[in-house]
């Protein structure tokens, strides 16, 4: 299988991510009327200082930045009339300002690429949107909202979870953004693709191929990945040949993937099948949270350099203020990587 060239610019380099969302990662909505919540969101998006963030990322030597377009709350930081039409929301949760475009333009001026983060499913915290988009979570829950676990300790999954109607609608939503951004969007990091066999591993559309085609409609060289969950140390993998780089999600730990007998020779060349090997973890206390890096600088720098020297790629997730600025404690650490 030919190795993907779409993610060559990630090779041996590092980038930054931020979970800049309407709410913290749990996605529960704040109080207020729909109109008040929308106005508050628009105010936040309007006050995001793209030039200040671009200056910080240049100072840190980052080669790319991953921006969360939205997640569970249903609030998105770019307009999308297709989404508004499909969800029939009385008040749009898509911002008036196209923050992704504005940030991508500011970053491109400094030679930094921009990647869009988006879940593969509808916003779990917006019941009405999920209903209109024909979305159901692939995991089974009891009447109290707790995930059902099988006797062997695995999460119980919903049978017959094809969701073709939802997938077609979600691809329409993505197509609009992809066309709007064109070459400003260098990649996509798609979260929550946990149900590959139920939803995407089919010869006919909708499938991984139609999903990837929607993501690349504005830029055929766009690098794509589909996150199937936390990466296993002994078996990093991709889910489809459409992936150009590994999602690489870590969590509470770091591991050193090279030079181990369980890791293939292919990975020693920093590829998993044809995809660029890439690792992602949070530098704060959780995704998009924390007042200071959780690791000593010596550890952060040594681990990152070790991975990069093996031609893999690293993304560090850091918190940002409502104005989009990274705390100085994180910039101090990341700036050392530039050297």
C-alpha atoms as a PDB file:
ATOM      1  CA  UNK A   1       0.000   0.000   0.000  1.00  0.00           C
ATOM      2  CA  UNK A   2       1.390   3.391  -0.998  1.00  0.00           C
ATOM      3  CA  UNK A   3       2.197   5.667   1.919  1.00  0.00           C
ATOM      4  CA  UNK A   4       0.082   8.792   2.097  1.00  0.00           C
ATOM      5  CA  UNK A   5       1.786  12.039   1.081  1.00  0.00           C
ATOM      6  CA  UNK A   6      -0.988  14.271   2.402  1.00  0.00           C
ATOM      7  CA  UNK A   7       0.520  14.358   5.892  1.00  0.00           C
ATOM      8  CA  UNK A   8       4.201  14.640   4.967  1.00  0.00           C
ATOM      9  CA  UNK A   9       4.293  18.139   6.472  1.00  0.00           C
ATOM     10  CA  UNK A  10       3.629  16.607   9.905  1.00  0.00           C
ATOM     11  CA  UNK A  11       6.644  14.332   9.744  1.00  0.00           C
ATOM     12  CA  UNK A  12       9.164  15.007  12.508  1.00  0.00           C
ATOM     13  CA  UNK A  13       7.270  18.127  13.617  1.00  0.00           C
ATOM     14  CA  UNK A  14       4.894  19.165  16.356  1.00  0.00           C
ATOM     15  CA  UNK A  15       1.662  21.135  16.614  1.00  0.00           C
ATOM     16  CA  UNK A  16      -0.788  22.453  19.163  1.00  0.00           C
ATOM     17  CA  UNK A  17      -4.464  21.787  19.803  1.00  0.00           C
ATOM     18  CA  UNK A  18      -7.031  23.490  21.994  1.00  0.00           C
ATOM     19  CA  UNK A  19     -10.493  22.381  23.068  1.00  0.00           C
ATOM     20  CA  UNK A  20     -11.957  25.869  22.682  1.00  0.00           C
ATOM     21  CA  UNK A  21     -15.648  25.117  23.182  1.00  0.00           C
ATOM     22  CA  UNK A  22     -18.905  26.669  24.308  1.00  0.00           C
ATOM     23  CA  UNK A  23     -18.592  24.650  27.493  1.00  0.00           C
ATOM     24  CA  UNK A  24     -16.014  22.408  29.108  1.00  0.00           C
ATOM     25  CA  UNK A  25     -15.678  19.010  27.470  1.00  0.00           C
ATOM     26  CA  UNK A  26     -18.802  17.498  29.102  1.00  0.00           C
ATOM     27  CA  UNK A  27     -20.994  19.563  26.773  1.00  0.00           C
ATOM     28  CA  UNK A  28     -23.800  20.476  29.200  1.00  0.00           C
ATOM     29  CA  UNK A  29     -25.495  23.708  28.272  1.00  0.00           C
ATOM     30  CA  UNK A  30     -25.431  26.824  30.404  1.00  0.00           C
ATOM     31  CA  UNK A  31     -28.634  28.503  31.560  1.00  0.00           C
ATOM     32  CA  UNK A  32     -30.486  31.161  29.618  1.00  0.00           C
ATOM     33  CA  UNK A  33     -32.845  31.275  26.684  1.00  0.00           C
ATOM     34  CA  UNK A  34     -31.696  29.956  23.290  1.00  0.00           C
ATOM     35  CA  UNK A  35     -31.345  33.554  22.095  1.00  0.00           C
ATOM     36  CA  UNK A  36     -29.257  34.546  25.133  1.00  0.00           C
ATOM     37  CA  UNK A  37     -26.992  31.509  24.749  1.00  0.00           C
ATOM     38  CA  UNK A  38     -26.514  32.235  21.038  1.00  0.00           C
ATOM     39  CA  UNK A  39     -25.670  35.874  21.722  1.00  0.00           C
ATOM     40  CA  UNK A  40     -23.181  34.887  24.420  1.00  0.00           C
ATOM     41  CA  UNK A  41     -21.544  32.417  22.042  1.00  0.00           C
ATOM     42  CA  UNK A  42     -21.341  34.974  19.254  1.00  0.00           C
ATOM     43  CA  UNK A  43     -19.757  37.448  21.655  1.00  0.00           C
ATOM     44  CA  UNK A  44     -17.089  34.921  22.600  1.00  0.00           C
ATOM     45  CA  UNK A  45     -16.345  34.083  18.977  1.00  0.00           C
ATOM     46  CA  UNK A  46     -16.210  37.768  18.036  1.00  0.00           C
ATOM     47  CA  UNK A  47     -13.662  38.460  20.784  1.00  0.00           C
ATOM     48  CA  UNK A  48     -11.328  35.586  19.874  1.00  0.00           C
ATOM     49  CA  UNK A  49      -8.001  37.265  19.047  1.00  0.00           C
ATOM     50  CA  UNK A  50      -6.631  35.266  16.120  1.00  0.00           C
ATOM     51  CA  UNK A  51      -3.540  37.450  15.729  1.00  0.00           C
ATOM     52  CA  UNK A  52      -2.548  37.075  19.391  1.00  0.00           C
ATOM     53  CA  UNK A  53      -2.850  33.284  19.146  1.00  0.00           C
ATOM     54  CA  UNK A  54      -0.917  33.252  15.867  1.00  0.00           C
ATOM     55  CA  UNK A  55       1.892  35.218  17.534  1.00  0.00           C
ATOM     56  CA  UNK A  56       2.008  32.735  20.416  1.00  0.00           C
ATOM     57  CA  UNK A  57       2.113  29.711  18.115  1.00  0.00           C
ATOM     58  CA  UNK A  58       4.905  31.308  16.093  1.00  0.00           C
ATOM     59  CA  UNK A  59       6.807  31.914  19.331  1.00  0.00           C
ATOM     60  CA  UNK A  60       6.288  28.252  20.246  1.00  0.00           C
ATOM     61  CA  UNK A  61       7.462  27.001  16.849  1.00  0.00           C
ATOM     62  CA  UNK A  62       4.282  25.008  16.229  1.00  0.00           C
ATOM     63  CA  UNK A  63       3.789  23.787  12.657  1.00  0.00           C
ATOM     64  CA  UNK A  64       0.007  23.363  12.932  1.00  0.00           C
ATOM     65  CA  UNK A  65      -2.945  24.143  15.162  1.00  0.00           C
ATOM     66  CA  UNK A  66      -6.071  22.014  15.658  1.00  0.00           C
ATOM     67  CA  UNK A  67      -9.190  24.089  16.349  1.00  0.00           C
ATOM     68  CA  UNK A  68     -12.369  22.538  17.715  1.00  0.00           C
ATOM     69  CA  UNK A  69     -15.201  23.687  15.457  1.00  0.00           C
ATOM     70  CA  UNK A  70     -17.651  22.381  18.053  1.00  0.00           C
ATOM     71  CA  UNK A  71     -18.497  19.315  20.079  1.00  0.00           C
ATOM     72  CA  UNK A  72     -21.333  18.108  22.328  1.00  0.00           C
ATOM     73  CA  UNK A  73     -23.087  21.405  23.047  1.00  0.00           C
ATOM     74  CA  UNK A  74     -24.097  21.954  19.427  1.00  0.00           C
ATOM     75  CA  UNK A  75     -22.462  25.401  19.291  1.00  0.00           C
ATOM     76  CA  UNK A  76     -20.058  25.789  16.356  1.00  0.00           C
ATOM     77  CA  UNK A  77     -17.541  28.566  15.714  1.00  0.00           C
ATOM     78  CA  UNK A  78     -18.371  28.987  12.024  1.00  0.00           C
ATOM     79  CA  UNK A  79     -21.627  29.618  10.156  1.00  0.00           C
ATOM     80  CA  UNK A  80     -23.282  26.694   8.429  1.00  0.00           C
ATOM     81  CA  UNK A  81     -26.708  27.266   6.816  1.00  0.00           C
ATOM     82  CA  UNK A  82     -26.908  23.574   5.880  1.00  0.00           C
ATOM     83  CA  UNK A  83     -26.690  22.611   9.553  1.00  0.00           C
ATOM     84  CA  UNK A  84     -29.271  25.254  10.463  1.00  0.00           C
ATOM     85  CA  UNK A  85     -31.666  23.984   7.805  1.00  0.00           C
ATOM     86  CA  UNK A  86     -31.286  20.319   8.764  1.00  0.00           C
ATOM     87  CA  UNK A  87     -31.712  20.928  12.500  1.00  0.00           C
ATOM     88  CA  UNK A  88     -34.559  23.461  12.050  1.00  0.00           C
ATOM     89  CA  UNK A  89     -33.285  25.345  15.097  1.00  0.00           C
ATOM     90  CA  UNK A  90     -35.294  28.519  15.871  1.00  0.00           C
ATOM     91  CA  UNK A  91     -32.017  30.195  16.836  1.00  0.00           C
ATOM     92  CA  UNK A  92     -28.768  29.211  15.126  1.00  0.00           C
ATOM     93  CA  UNK A  93     -25.994  27.794  17.306  1.00  0.00           C
ATOM     94  CA  UNK A  94     -23.492  28.412  14.516  1.00  0.00           C
ATOM     95  CA  UNK A  95     -21.568  31.643  15.038  1.00  0.00           C
ATOM     96  CA  UNK A  96     -21.928  34.584  12.683  1.00  0.00           C
ATOM     97  CA  UNK A  97     -18.141  34.924  12.429  1.00  0.00           C
ATOM     98  CA  UNK A  98     -16.187  32.220  10.611  1.00  0.00           C
ATOM     99  CA  UNK A  99     -13.522  31.796  13.265  1.00  0.00           C
ATOM    100  CA  UNK A 100     -11.824  28.915  11.490  1.00  0.00           C
ATOM    101  CA  UNK A 101     -11.287  30.978   8.345  1.00  0.00           C
ATOM    102  CA  UNK A 102     -10.054  34.032  10.241  1.00  0.00           C
ATOM    103  CA  UNK A 103      -7.624  31.959  12.311  1.00  0.00           C
ATOM    104  CA  UNK A 104      -6.404  29.973   9.315  1.00  0.00           C
ATOM    105  CA  UNK A 105      -5.625  33.196   7.447  1.00  0.00           C
ATOM    106  CA  UNK A 106      -3.693  34.587  10.432  1.00  0.00           C
ATOM    107  CA  UNK A 107      -1.766  31.332  10.809  1.00  0.00           C
ATOM    108  CA  UNK A 108      -1.034  30.946   7.101  1.00  0.00           C
ATOM    109  CA  UNK A 109       0.689  34.342   7.175  1.00  0.00           C
ATOM    110  CA  UNK A 110       3.145  32.795   9.655  1.00  0.00           C
ATOM    111  CA  UNK A 111       3.579  29.494   7.811  1.00  0.00           C
ATOM    112  CA  UNK A 112       1.403  27.542  10.273  1.00  0.00           C
ATOM    113  CA  UNK A 113      -1.273  25.128   9.069  1.00  0.00           C
ATOM    114  CA  UNK A 114      -4.783  24.767  10.499  1.00  0.00           C
ATOM    115  CA  UNK A 115      -6.642  21.505  11.164  1.00  0.00           C
ATOM    116  CA  UNK A 116     -10.361  21.257  11.937  1.00  0.00           C
ATOM    117  CA  UNK A 117     -11.596  19.095  14.808  1.00  0.00           C
ATOM    118  CA  UNK A 118     -15.141  17.729  14.568  1.00  0.00           C
ATOM    119  CA  UNK A 119     -16.942  14.723  16.097  1.00  0.00           C
ATOM    120  CA  UNK A 120     -18.226  12.029  13.756  1.00  0.00           C
ATOM    121  CA  UNK A 121     -21.649  12.220  15.410  1.00  0.00           C
ATOM    122  CA  UNK A 122     -24.274  14.826  16.210  1.00  0.00           C
ATOM    123  CA  UNK A 123     -23.915  17.003  19.347  1.00  0.00           C
ATOM    124  CA  UNK A 124     -24.905  14.738  22.255  1.00  0.00           C
ATOM    125  CA  UNK A 125     -25.908  17.693  24.424  1.00  0.00           C
ATOM    126  CA  UNK A 126     -28.490  18.952  21.928  1.00  0.00           C
ATOM    127  CA  UNK A 127     -31.431  16.535  21.957  1.00  0.00           C
ATOM    128  CA  UNK A 128     -33.382  18.373  19.261  1.00  0.00           C
ATOM    129  CA  UNK A 129     -30.424  18.425  16.873  1.00  0.00           C
ATOM    130  CA  UNK A 130     -29.809  14.702  17.406  1.00  0.00           C
ATOM    131  CA  UNK A 131     -33.471  14.024  16.655  1.00  0.00           C
ATOM    132  CA  UNK A 132     -33.517  16.108  13.460  1.00  0.00           C
ATOM    133  CA  UNK A 133     -30.241  14.606  12.257  1.00  0.00           C
ATOM    134  CA  UNK A 134     -31.411  11.030  12.978  1.00  0.00           C
ATOM    135  CA  UNK A 135     -28.519  10.401  15.346  1.00  0.00           C
ATOM    136  CA  UNK A 136     -28.313   7.798  18.114  1.00  0.00           C
ATOM    137  CA  UNK A 137     -25.203   6.995  20.117  1.00  0.00           C
ATOM    138  CA  UNK A 138     -23.822   3.556  19.298  1.00  0.00           C
ATOM    139  CA  UNK A 139     -23.439   2.599  22.953  1.00  0.00           C
ATOM    140  CA  UNK A 140     -26.410   1.329  24.941  1.00  0.00           C
ATOM    141  CA  UNK A 141     -27.506   3.160  28.096  1.00  0.00           C
ATOM    142  CA  UNK A 142     -29.850   2.199  30.932  1.00  0.00           C
ATOM    143  CA  UNK A 143     -32.817   4.333  32.032  1.00  0.00           C
ATOM    144  CA  UNK A 144     -30.522   6.327  34.346  1.00  0.00           C
ATOM    145  CA  UNK A 145     -28.196   7.290  31.510  1.00  0.00           C
ATOM    146  CA  UNK A 146     -25.394   4.916  32.515  1.00  0.00           C
ATOM    147  CA  UNK A 147     -23.579   2.901  29.881  1.00  0.00           C
ATOM    148  CA  UNK A 148     -24.524  -0.776  29.841  1.00  0.00           C
ATOM    149  CA  UNK A 149     -21.563  -3.130  30.194  1.00  0.00           C
ATOM    150  CA  UNK A 150     -21.458  -6.677  28.799  1.00  0.00           C
ATOM    151  CA  UNK A 151     -20.457  -9.657  30.994  1.00  0.00           C
ATOM    152  CA  UNK A 152     -16.924  -9.534  29.581  1.00  0.00           C
ATOM    153  CA  UNK A 153     -16.536  -5.918  30.688  1.00  0.00           C
ATOM    154  CA  UNK A 154     -17.019  -4.213  27.317  1.00  0.00           C
ATOM    155  CA  UNK A 155     -19.464  -1.417  26.563  1.00  0.00           C
ATOM    156  CA  UNK A 156     -22.665  -2.777  25.072  1.00  0.00           C
ATOM    157  CA  UNK A 157     -23.252  -1.582  21.523  1.00  0.00           C
ATOM    158  CA  UNK A 158     -26.475  -0.846  19.705  1.00  0.00           C
ATOM    159  CA  UNK A 159     -27.326  -3.502  17.067  1.00  0.00           C
ATOM    160  CA  UNK A 160     -28.111  -2.409  13.484  1.00  0.00           C
ATOM    161  CA  UNK A 161     -26.369   0.937  13.982  1.00  0.00           C
ATOM    162  CA  UNK A 162     -25.933   1.813  10.292  1.00  0.00           C
ATOM    163  CA  UNK A 163     -27.426   5.323  10.615  1.00  0.00           C
ATOM    164  CA  UNK A 164     -27.211   5.905   6.859  1.00  0.00           C
ATOM    165  CA  UNK A 165     -29.656   8.820   6.978  1.00  0.00           C
ATOM    166  CA  UNK A 166     -27.614  10.556   9.652  1.00  0.00           C
ATOM    167  CA  UNK A 167     -24.346   9.981   7.813  1.00  0.00           C
ATOM    168  CA  UNK A 168     -25.717  11.514   4.624  1.00  0.00           C
ATOM    169  CA  UNK A 169     -26.872  14.591   6.523  1.00  0.00           C
ATOM    170  CA  UNK A 170     -23.563  14.924   8.390  1.00  0.00           C
ATOM    171  CA  UNK A 171     -21.637  14.703   5.129  1.00  0.00           C
ATOM    172  CA  UNK A 172     -23.758  17.575   3.783  1.00  0.00           C
ATOM    173  CA  UNK A 173     -22.872  19.681   6.828  1.00  0.00           C
ATOM    174  CA  UNK A 174     -19.166  18.912   6.451  1.00  0.00           C
ATOM    175  CA  UNK A 175     -19.223  19.522   2.701  1.00  0.00           C
ATOM    176  CA  UNK A 176     -20.398  23.088   3.259  1.00  0.00           C
ATOM    177  CA  UNK A 177     -17.511  23.874   5.615  1.00  0.00           C
ATOM    178  CA  UNK A 178     -14.942  22.075   3.472  1.00  0.00           C
ATOM    179  CA  UNK A 179     -15.956  24.061   0.386  1.00  0.00           C
ATOM    180  CA  UNK A 180     -15.932  27.335   2.305  1.00  0.00           C
ATOM    181  CA  UNK A 181     -12.424  26.820   3.684  1.00  0.00           C
ATOM    182  CA  UNK A 182     -10.777  25.163   0.699  1.00  0.00           C
ATOM    183  CA  UNK A 183      -6.986  25.025   1.003  1.00  0.00           C
ATOM    184  CA  UNK A 184      -7.101  26.942   4.300  1.00  0.00           C
ATOM    185  CA  UNK A 185      -8.060  23.624   5.886  1.00  0.00           C
ATOM    186  CA  UNK A 186      -4.951  21.429   5.840  1.00  0.00           C
ATOM    187  CA  UNK A 187      -6.535  18.552   7.717  1.00  0.00           C
ATOM    188  CA  UNK A 188      -9.359  17.111   9.775  1.00  0.00           C
ATOM    189  CA  UNK A 189      -9.193  15.335  13.126  1.00  0.00           C
ATOM    190  CA  UNK A 190     -12.505  13.453  13.339  1.00  0.00           C
ATOM    191  CA  UNK A 191     -13.417  12.302  16.834  1.00  0.00           C
ATOM    192  CA  UNK A 192     -15.735   9.558  18.065  1.00  0.00           C
ATOM    193  CA  UNK A 193     -15.469   7.165  15.105  1.00  0.00           C
ATOM    194  CA  UNK A 194     -16.000   4.283  17.528  1.00  0.00           C
ATOM    195  CA  UNK A 195     -18.474   2.271  15.454  1.00  0.00           C
ATOM    196  CA  UNK A 196     -16.563   1.500  12.288  1.00  0.00           C
ATOM    197  CA  UNK A 197     -18.080  -1.929  11.642  1.00  0.00           C
ATOM    198  CA  UNK A 198     -21.604  -0.729  12.329  1.00  0.00           C
ATOM    199  CA  UNK A 199     -21.439   2.541  10.367  1.00  0.00           C
ATOM    200  CA  UNK A 200     -18.521   2.850   7.949  1.00  0.00           C
ATOM    201  CA  UNK A 201     -17.069  -0.491   6.846  1.00  0.00           C
ATOM    202  CA  UNK A 202     -19.351  -0.983   3.846  1.00  0.00           C
ATOM    203  CA  UNK A 203     -18.643  -1.123   0.139  1.00  0.00           C
ATOM    204  CA  UNK A 204     -21.508   1.242  -0.660  1.00  0.00           C
ATOM    205  CA  UNK A 205     -21.947   4.806   0.600  1.00  0.00           C
ATOM    206  CA  UNK A 206     -22.268   6.143   3.168  1.00  0.00           C
ATOM    207  CA  UNK A 207     -18.964   4.723   4.379  1.00  0.00           C
ATOM    208  CA  UNK A 208     -15.429   5.820   5.197  1.00  0.00           C
ATOM    209  CA  UNK A 209     -14.829   6.684   1.539  1.00  0.00           C
ATOM    210  CA  UNK A 210     -17.825   9.010   1.222  1.00  0.00           C
ATOM    211  CA  UNK A 211     -16.993  10.539   4.618  1.00  0.00           C
ATOM    212  CA  UNK A 212     -13.419  11.272   3.517  1.00  0.00           C
ATOM    213  CA  UNK A 213     -14.636  12.633   0.170  1.00  0.00           C
ATOM    214  CA  UNK A 214     -16.796  15.169   2.003  1.00  0.00           C
ATOM    215  CA  UNK A 215     -13.850  16.220   4.160  1.00  0.00           C
ATOM    216  CA  UNK A 216     -11.621  16.706   1.103  1.00  0.00           C
ATOM    217  CA  UNK A 217     -14.148  18.329  -1.221  1.00  0.00           C
ATOM    218  CA  UNK A 218     -12.505  21.750  -0.793  1.00  0.00           C
ATOM    219  CA  UNK A 219      -8.920  20.499  -0.686  1.00  0.00           C
ATOM    220  CA  UNK A 220      -7.959  17.124  -2.201  1.00  0.00           C
ATOM    221  CA  UNK A 221      -4.654  17.238  -0.287  1.00  0.00           C
ATOM    222  CA  UNK A 222      -6.399  17.536   3.074  1.00  0.00           C
ATOM    223  CA  UNK A 223      -4.950  15.099   5.668  1.00  0.00           C
ATOM    224  CA  UNK A 224      -7.661  13.085   7.429  1.00  0.00           C
ATOM    225  CA  UNK A 225      -7.890  10.802  10.459  1.00  0.00           C
ATOM    226  CA  UNK A 226     -10.774   9.045  12.237  1.00  0.00           C
ATOM    227  CA  UNK A 227     -10.343   8.604  15.978  1.00  0.00           C
ATOM    228  CA  UNK A 228     -11.468   5.184  17.174  1.00  0.00           C
ATOM    229  CA  UNK A 229     -10.511   5.793  20.803  1.00  0.00           C
ATOM    230  CA  UNK A 230      -7.416   5.906  22.981  1.00  0.00           C
ATOM    231  CA  UNK A 231      -4.436   4.466  21.126  1.00  0.00           C
ATOM    232  CA  UNK A 232      -3.182   1.126  22.384  1.00  0.00           C
ATOM    233  CA  UNK A 233       0.498   1.121  23.228  1.00  0.00           C
ATOM    234  CA  UNK A 234       1.112  -2.316  21.741  1.00  0.00           C
ATOM    235  CA  UNK A 235      -1.022  -1.915  18.629  1.00  0.00           C
ATOM    236  CA  UNK A 236      -1.374   1.574  17.156  1.00  0.00           C
ATOM    237  CA  UNK A 237      -3.627   1.331  14.124  1.00  0.00           C
ATOM    238  CA  UNK A 238      -5.802   3.089  11.602  1.00  0.00           C
ATOM    239  CA  UNK A 239      -9.341   2.080  10.702  1.00  0.00           C
ATOM    240  CA  UNK A 240      -9.363   2.770   6.976  1.00  0.00           C
ATOM    241  CA  UNK A 241      -7.020   3.379   4.066  1.00  0.00           C
ATOM    242  CA  UNK A 242      -8.548   6.874   3.870  1.00  0.00           C
ATOM    243  CA  UNK A 243      -6.556   7.942   6.940  1.00  0.00           C
ATOM    244  CA  UNK A 244      -3.417   9.962   6.254  1.00  0.00           C
ATOM    245  CA  UNK A 245      -2.188  10.122   9.855  1.00  0.00           C
ATOM    246  CA  UNK A 246      -3.010   8.304  13.069  1.00  0.00           C
ATOM    247  CA  UNK A 247      -5.334  10.075  15.538  1.00  0.00           C
ATOM    248  CA  UNK A 248      -2.870   9.055  18.262  1.00  0.00           C
ATOM    249  CA  UNK A 249      -5.045   9.899  21.264  1.00  0.00           C
ATOM    250  CA  UNK A 250      -3.217   9.352  24.537  1.00  0.00           C
ATOM    251  CA  UNK A 251      -4.675  10.251  27.875  1.00  0.00           C
ATOM    252  CA  UNK A 252      -3.189  10.054  31.343  1.00  0.00           C
ATOM    253  CA  UNK A 253       0.080   8.478  30.235  1.00  0.00           C
ATOM    254  CA  UNK A 254       2.983   8.843  27.839  1.00  0.00           C
ATOM    255  CA  UNK A 255       4.689   5.902  26.203  1.00  0.00           C
ATOM    256  CA  UNK A 256       7.735   5.458  24.025  1.00  0.00           C
ATOM    257  CA  UNK A 257       6.593   3.595  20.918  1.00  0.00           C
ATOM    258  CA  UNK A 258       9.852   3.034  19.087  1.00  0.00           C
ATOM    259  CA  UNK A 259      12.325   0.194  19.417  1.00  0.00           C
ATOM    260  CA  UNK A 260       9.833  -2.213  21.019  1.00  0.00           C
ATOM    261  CA  UNK A 261       9.456  -5.786  19.799  1.00  0.00           C
ATOM    262  CA  UNK A 262       5.679  -5.436  19.684  1.00  0.00           C
ATOM    263  CA  UNK A 263       5.927  -2.519  17.282  1.00  0.00           C
ATOM    264  CA  UNK A 264       6.428  -3.298  13.609  1.00  0.00           C
ATOM    265  CA  UNK A 265       9.381  -2.274  11.466  1.00  0.00           C
ATOM    266  CA  UNK A 266       6.931  -0.098   9.555  1.00  0.00           C
ATOM    267  CA  UNK A 267       6.323   1.972  12.679  1.00  0.00           C
ATOM    268  CA  UNK A 268      10.050   2.415  13.171  1.00  0.00           C
ATOM    269  CA  UNK A 269       9.848   4.392   9.952  1.00  0.00           C
ATOM    270  CA  UNK A 270       6.976   6.349  11.590  1.00  0.00           C
ATOM    271  CA  UNK A 271       4.148   4.859   9.557  1.00  0.00           C
ATOM    272  CA  UNK A 272       1.150   2.740  10.524  1.00  0.00           C
ATOM    273  CA  UNK A 273       0.220   0.999   7.301  1.00  0.00           C
ATOM    274  CA  UNK A 274       0.297   3.981   4.904  1.00  0.00           C
ATOM    275  CA  UNK A 275      -0.501   6.645   7.525  1.00  0.00           C
ATOM    276  CA  UNK A 276       1.931   9.034   9.213  1.00  0.00           C
ATOM    277  CA  UNK A 277       2.373   8.049  12.850  1.00  0.00           C
ATOM    278  CA  UNK A 278       1.086  10.889  15.029  1.00  0.00           C
ATOM    279  CA  UNK A 279       0.572  11.153  18.789  1.00  0.00           C
ATOM    280  CA  UNK A 280      -1.794  13.492  20.642  1.00  0.00           C
ATOM    281  CA  UNK A 281      -2.006  14.192  24.359  1.00  0.00           C
ATOM    282  CA  UNK A 282      -2.974  16.984  26.729  1.00  0.00           C
ATOM    283  CA  UNK A 283      -0.278  19.025  28.427  1.00  0.00           C
ATOM    284  CA  UNK A 284      -2.594  20.394  31.121  1.00  0.00           C
ATOM    285  CA  UNK A 285      -4.738  18.507  33.617  1.00  0.00           C
ATOM    286  CA  UNK A 286      -7.244  17.398  30.987  1.00  0.00           C
ATOM    287  CA  UNK A 287      -8.309  18.290  27.460  1.00  0.00           C
ATOM    288  CA  UNK A 288      -8.314  22.076  27.228  1.00  0.00           C
ATOM    289  CA  UNK A 289      -7.851  22.497  30.976  1.00  0.00           C
ATOM    290  CA  UNK A 290      -5.148  23.324  33.516  1.00  0.00           C
ATOM    291  CA  UNK A 291      -3.201  26.314  34.804  1.00  0.00           C
ATOM    292  CA  UNK A 292       0.256  24.862  34.116  1.00  0.00           C
ATOM    293  CA  UNK A 293       1.829  21.856  32.356  1.00  0.00           C
ATOM    294  CA  UNK A 294       1.386  18.602  34.259  1.00  0.00           C
ATOM    295  CA  UNK A 295       4.902  17.377  33.447  1.00  0.00           C
ATOM    296  CA  UNK A 296       8.264  18.943  34.252  1.00  0.00           C
ATOM    297  CA  UNK A 297       9.749  20.683  31.222  1.00  0.00           C
ATOM    298  CA  UNK A 298      12.645  18.219  31.057  1.00  0.00           C
ATOM    299  CA  UNK A 299      10.226  15.321  30.629  1.00  0.00           C
ATOM    300  CA  UNK A 300       7.996  17.117  28.105  1.00  0.00           C
ATOM    301  CA  UNK A 301      10.956  18.169  25.978  1.00  0.00           C
ATOM    302  CA  UNK A 302      12.801  14.852  26.146  1.00  0.00           C
ATOM    303  CA  UNK A 303       9.726  12.787  25.256  1.00  0.00           C
ATOM    304  CA  UNK A 304       8.678  15.111  22.426  1.00  0.00           C
ATOM    305  CA  UNK A 305      12.167  15.217  20.933  1.00  0.00           C
ATOM    306  CA  UNK A 306      12.445  11.433  21.172  1.00  0.00           C
ATOM    307  CA  UNK A 307       9.256  10.989  19.160  1.00  0.00           C
ATOM    308  CA  UNK A 308      10.140  13.663  16.605  1.00  0.00           C
ATOM    309  CA  UNK A 309      13.636  12.280  16.066  1.00  0.00           C
ATOM    310  CA  UNK A 310      11.957   9.043  14.967  1.00  0.00           C
ATOM    311  CA  UNK A 311      10.089  11.028  12.272  1.00  0.00           C
ATOM    312  CA  UNK A 312       6.725  10.761  14.019  1.00  0.00           C
ATOM    313  CA  UNK A 313       4.510  13.764  14.780  1.00  0.00           C
ATOM    314  CA  UNK A 314       3.252  15.135  18.093  1.00  0.00           C
ATOM    315  CA  UNK A 315       0.339  17.401  18.991  1.00  0.00           C
ATOM    316  CA  UNK A 316       0.058  18.900  22.479  1.00  0.00           C
ATOM    317  CA  UNK A 317      -3.383  20.018  23.625  1.00  0.00           C
ATOM    318  CA  UNK A 318      -3.313  23.154  25.797  1.00  0.00           C
ATOM    319  CA  UNK A 319      -5.975  25.357  27.400  1.00  0.00           C
ATOM    320  CA  UNK A 320      -6.915  28.716  25.948  1.00  0.00           C
ATOM    321  CA  UNK A 321      -8.755  31.687  27.404  1.00  0.00           C
ATOM    322  CA  UNK A 322     -12.092  32.852  26.045  1.00  0.00           C
ATOM    323  CA  UNK A 323     -10.100  35.295  23.924  1.00  0.00           C
ATOM    324  CA  UNK A 324      -8.123  32.397  22.461  1.00  0.00           C
ATOM    325  CA  UNK A 325      -4.846  33.043  24.275  1.00  0.00           C
ATOM    326  CA  UNK A 326      -2.670  30.249  25.628  1.00  0.00           C
ATOM    327  CA  UNK A 327      -1.524  30.754  29.251  1.00  0.00           C
ATOM    328  CA  UNK A 328       2.083  31.907  29.474  1.00  0.00           C
ATOM    329  CA  UNK A 329       3.078  28.885  31.570  1.00  0.00           C
ATOM    330  CA  UNK A 330       2.345  26.656  28.569  1.00  0.00           C
ATOM    331  CA  UNK A 331       3.970  28.995  26.049  1.00  0.00           C
ATOM    332  CA  UNK A 332       7.142  29.010  28.164  1.00  0.00           C
ATOM    333  CA  UNK A 333       7.302  25.209  27.922  1.00  0.00           C
ATOM    334  CA  UNK A 334       6.341  24.960  24.254  1.00  0.00           C
ATOM    335  CA  UNK A 335       8.805  27.702  23.236  1.00  0.00           C
ATOM    336  CA  UNK A 336      11.628  25.487  24.430  1.00  0.00           C
ATOM    337  CA  UNK A 337      10.629  22.962  21.758  1.00  0.00           C
ATOM    338  CA  UNK A 338      11.343  25.577  19.091  1.00  0.00           C
ATOM    339  CA  UNK A 339      14.989  25.535  20.072  1.00  0.00           C
END
